[in-house]
Amino acid sequence: MEKFTKIRAVAAPLPITNIDTDMIIPQDHLRTIERTGLGKFAFSNIRYHDDGSEREDFVLNQPAYRNAEILIAGENFGCGSSREHAPWALTDLGLRCIIAPSFADIFYGNSFKNGLLPITLPQDIIDDLMKDAERGANAVFTVDLENLEITRPDGEVITFEIDGFRQHCLINGLDDIGLTMAKGDKISEFEEKQKAQQPWLYS
């Protein structure tokens, strides 16, 4: 999993509440178990016309936001079904951080396991950040996970809170497999001891 320490990037405004996982990645694209290649389908129902051409009014299709790595969104982001394809699609699209007033619990947890940083802030602050993001290519934010700080385009610093363990995992790029592999020496030590004491388990 890609490490997350600090990013400086354009933020795109998406002032929609209750963005569910089917809006993020429609069910027609859930046939794969690969984490890559889903970005082109992210938000497809509101990103493309029926003929496959891009909708000019969708924010991530606009030139200023095509390379956005941060999304400022409405409350209850990621609600709906518990599909892990949702954070896969968002990260494959190039997003690294979602800032919203609230998130659905399962989506929130899945995000950390897939290198996506979800930040929860009060609605009044989100409103201010949304206005910042509407400045197009000038909407450049810095998100510093190590110091738990967001720097707005005008230089104002906002602090946020993240569970310490989840912060550690993102900074070090540790998903569930990575956490297990980090204990490789202890696992090997246990296996060697078990082989000596219960060799029939390995025959």
Protein backbone atom coordinates (compact mmCIF):
# COMPACT_ATOMS: atom_id res chain seq x y z
CA MET A 1 0.00 0.00 0.00
CA GLU A 2 1.29 3.46 -0.88
CA LYS A 3 2.50 5.48 2.10
CA PHE A 4 0.75 8.71 3.01
CA THR A 5 2.78 11.36 4.81
CA LYS A 6 2.08 14.73 3.19
CA ILE A 7 0.49 15.80 -0.07
CA ARG A 8 0.17 19.20 -1.72
CA ALA A 9 -2.54 19.10 -4.34
CA VAL A 10 -5.61 20.66 -5.89
CA ALA A 11 -8.88 19.93 -4.09
CA ALA A 12 -12.09 19.41 -6.05
CA PRO A 13 -15.48 20.46 -4.64
CA LEU A 14 -18.28 17.88 -4.70
CA PRO A 15 -21.06 19.40 -2.54
CA ILE A 16 -23.36 16.37 -2.64
CA THR A 17 -24.66 14.66 0.50
CA ASN A 18 -25.14 10.89 0.83
CA ILE A 19 -22.75 9.92 -1.96
CA ASP A 20 -23.18 6.16 -1.78
CA THR A 21 -20.83 3.42 -2.91
CA ASP A 22 -22.98 2.70 -5.97
CA MET A 23 -22.46 6.30 -7.08
CA ILE A 24 -18.73 5.93 -6.45
CA ILE A 25 -18.47 2.64 -8.38
CA PRO A 26 -21.66 1.24 -9.96
CA GLN A 27 -22.37 -2.46 -9.43
CA ASP A 28 -21.82 -3.24 -13.12
CA HIS A 29 -18.08 -2.84 -12.49
CA LEU A 30 -17.73 -5.12 -9.46
CA ARG A 31 -16.79 -8.27 -11.37
CA THR A 32 -13.06 -7.81 -10.84
CA ILE A 33 -11.00 -8.40 -7.71
CA GLU A 34 -8.13 -6.31 -9.09
CA ARG A 35 -7.50 -3.00 -7.34
CA THR A 36 -6.35 -1.26 -10.49
CA GLY A 37 -8.29 -0.16 -13.55
CA LEU A 38 -11.41 0.95 -11.69
CA GLY A 39 -10.65 4.67 -11.77
CA LYS A 40 -12.18 5.07 -15.23
CA PHE A 41 -15.50 3.83 -13.82
CA ALA A 42 -15.51 6.02 -10.69
CA PHE A 43 -18.64 8.20 -10.52
CA SER A 44 -19.51 6.92 -14.02
CA ASN A 45 -23.25 7.54 -13.67
CA ILE A 46 -22.71 11.26 -13.10
CA ARG A 47 -19.38 11.56 -14.92
CA TYR A 48 -20.45 10.35 -18.37
CA HIS A 49 -23.39 10.70 -20.73
CA ASP A 50 -25.18 7.54 -21.88
CA ASP A 51 -23.02 7.48 -25.01
CA GLY A 52 -19.84 7.41 -22.91
CA SER A 53 -18.81 11.01 -23.54
CA GLU A 54 -17.81 13.15 -20.58
CA ARG A 55 -20.27 15.45 -18.85
CA GLU A 56 -18.73 18.92 -18.83
CA ASP A 57 -20.58 19.85 -15.65
CA PHE A 58 -18.97 17.06 -13.58
CA VAL A 59 -16.21 18.58 -11.51
CA LEU A 60 -13.49 16.00 -12.16
CA ASN A 61 -13.96 16.39 -15.91
CA GLN A 62 -13.10 20.08 -15.72
CA PRO A 63 -9.49 20.98 -16.64
CA ALA A 64 -8.71 22.58 -13.27
CA TYR A 65 -9.63 19.42 -11.37
CA ARG A 66 -8.51 16.57 -13.61
CA ASN A 67 -5.43 16.00 -11.45
CA ALA A 68 -7.10 16.69 -8.10
CA GLU A 69 -5.89 14.43 -5.30
CA ILE A 70 -8.25 15.82 -2.65
CA LEU A 71 -12.05 15.81 -2.67
CA ILE A 72 -14.18 18.11 -0.51
CA ALA A 73 -17.55 16.37 -0.15
CA GLY A 74 -20.89 16.43 1.65
CA GLU A 75 -21.96 14.50 4.73
CA ASN A 76 -22.40 10.72 4.93
CA PHE A 77 -19.85 10.05 2.18
CA GLY A 78 -19.53 6.36 1.24
CA CYS A 79 -22.91 5.21 2.54
CA GLY A 80 -24.73 2.24 1.00
CA SER A 81 -23.23 -1.20 0.44
CA SER A 82 -19.90 -2.19 1.94
CA ARG A 83 -18.05 -2.68 -1.36
CA GLU A 84 -14.29 -2.32 -1.02
CA HIS A 85 -14.21 -1.46 -4.71
CA ALA A 86 -15.23 2.08 -3.73
CA PRO A 87 -11.87 3.13 -2.22
CA TRP A 88 -10.11 1.11 -4.94
CA ALA A 89 -11.86 3.18 -7.61
CA LEU A 90 -11.13 6.48 -5.87
CA THR A 91 -7.43 5.78 -5.39
CA ASP A 92 -7.09 4.48 -8.94
CA LEU A 93 -8.67 7.75 -10.09
CA GLY A 94 -5.82 9.54 -8.31
CA LEU A 95 -7.57 10.70 -5.15
CA ARG A 96 -5.58 10.41 -1.92
CA CYS A 97 -7.78 12.26 0.56
CA ILE A 98 -11.52 12.83 1.09
CA ILE A 99 -12.60 15.63 3.46
CA ALA A 100 -16.23 15.58 4.58
CA PRO A 101 -18.45 16.24 7.62
CA SER A 102 -19.09 12.50 8.08
CA PHE A 103 -18.50 9.11 6.50
CA ALA A 104 -20.26 5.76 6.50
CA ASP A 105 -18.44 3.55 9.00
CA ILE A 106 -17.49 0.69 6.67
CA PHE A 107 -16.27 2.98 3.92
CA TYR A 108 -14.26 4.94 6.49
CA GLY A 109 -12.48 1.80 7.69
CA ASN A 110 -11.92 0.46 4.16
CA SER A 111 -10.32 3.73 3.11
CA PHE A 112 -7.46 3.43 5.60
CA LYS A 113 -6.80 -0.12 4.44
CA ASN A 114 -6.41 1.07 0.87
CA GLY A 115 -4.22 4.16 1.22
CA LEU A 116 -7.06 6.69 1.15
CA LEU A 117 -7.20 9.27 3.95
CA PRO A 118 -10.72 10.24 5.10
CA ILE A 119 -10.81 13.39 7.23
CA THR A 120 -13.87 14.44 9.23
CA LEU A 121 -14.36 18.13 10.00
CA PRO A 122 -17.32 20.23 11.24
CA GLN A 123 -19.78 21.44 8.60
CA ASP A 124 -18.84 25.10 8.97
CA ILE A 125 -15.20 24.33 8.20
CA ILE A 126 -16.21 22.11 5.28
CA ASP A 127 -18.23 25.03 3.92
CA ASP A 128 -15.12 27.22 3.99
CA LEU A 129 -12.99 24.53 2.35
CA MET A 130 -15.65 24.01 -0.30
CA LYS A 131 -15.41 27.72 -1.18
CA ASP A 132 -11.63 27.37 -1.37
CA ALA A 133 -11.96 24.39 -3.68
CA GLU A 134 -14.22 26.33 -6.02
CA ARG A 135 -11.20 28.48 -6.93
CA GLY A 136 -10.14 25.92 -9.52
CA ALA A 137 -6.44 25.41 -10.12
CA ASN A 138 -5.70 27.84 -7.28
CA ALA A 139 -7.39 25.50 -4.80
CA VAL A 140 -4.13 23.97 -3.62
CA PHE A 141 -4.17 22.42 -0.15
CA THR A 142 -1.48 20.70 1.87
CA VAL A 143 -2.56 17.69 3.93
CA ASP A 144 0.04 16.68 6.51
CA LEU A 145 -0.85 13.37 8.15
CA GLU A 146 2.18 13.29 10.43
CA ASN A 147 1.23 16.61 12.07
CA LEU A 148 -2.54 16.24 11.52
CA GLU A 149 -2.79 19.56 9.70
CA ILE A 150 -4.49 20.93 6.60
CA THR A 151 -3.11 24.13 5.11
CA ARG A 152 -5.67 26.10 3.12
CA PRO A 153 -4.75 28.02 -0.06
CA ASP A 154 -4.54 31.26 1.97
CA GLY A 155 -2.10 29.67 4.42
CA GLU A 156 -4.51 29.10 7.32
CA VAL A 157 -3.79 25.85 9.14
CA ILE A 158 -6.62 23.59 10.32
CA THR A 159 -6.01 20.63 12.59
CA PHE A 160 -7.83 17.31 12.41
CA GLU A 161 -7.95 14.09 14.39
CA ILE A 162 -7.23 10.52 13.32
CA ASP A 163 -6.95 7.35 15.39
CA GLY A 164 -3.25 6.85 16.20
CA PHE A 165 -3.09 3.27 14.93
CA ARG A 166 -4.70 4.18 11.60
CA GLN A 167 -2.36 7.15 11.29
CA HIS A 168 0.62 4.83 11.86
CA CYS A 169 -0.60 2.37 9.23
CA LEU A 170 -1.12 5.02 6.54
CA ILE A 171 2.19 6.75 7.17
CA ASN A 172 4.01 3.42 6.92
CA GLY A 173 1.91 2.01 4.07
CA LEU A 174 0.64 -0.93 6.12
CA ASP A 175 -2.56 -2.67 5.08
CA ASP A 176 -3.75 -5.88 6.80
CA ILE A 177 -1.25 -7.99 4.87
CA GLY A 178 1.54 -5.54 5.61
CA LEU A 179 0.74 -5.63 9.32
CA THR A 180 0.96 -9.42 9.25
CA MET A 181 4.23 -9.43 7.31
CA ALA A 182 5.71 -6.96 9.80
CA LYS A 183 5.50 -9.78 12.34
CA GLY A 184 7.30 -12.22 10.02
CA ASP A 185 10.11 -12.97 12.50
CA LYS A 186 7.66 -13.87 15.28
CA ILE A 187 5.60 -16.01 12.90
CA SER A 188 8.72 -17.91 11.77
CA GLU A 189 9.84 -18.35 15.37
CA PHE A 190 6.43 -19.79 16.30
CA GLU A 191 6.45 -22.17 13.32
CA GLU A 192 9.93 -23.48 14.12
CA LYS A 193 8.92 -24.08 17.74
CA GLN A 194 5.71 -25.79 16.67
CA LYS A 195 7.57 -28.02 14.20
CA ALA A 196 9.84 -29.21 17.01
CA GLN A 197 6.99 -29.84 19.42
CA GLN A 198 4.33 -31.11 16.98
CA PRO A 199 6.15 -32.36 13.86
CA TRP A 200 3.11 -34.39 12.71
CA LEU A 201 1.35 -31.15 11.81
CA TYR A 202 3.94 -30.57 9.07
CA SER A 203 4.20 -34.10 7.66
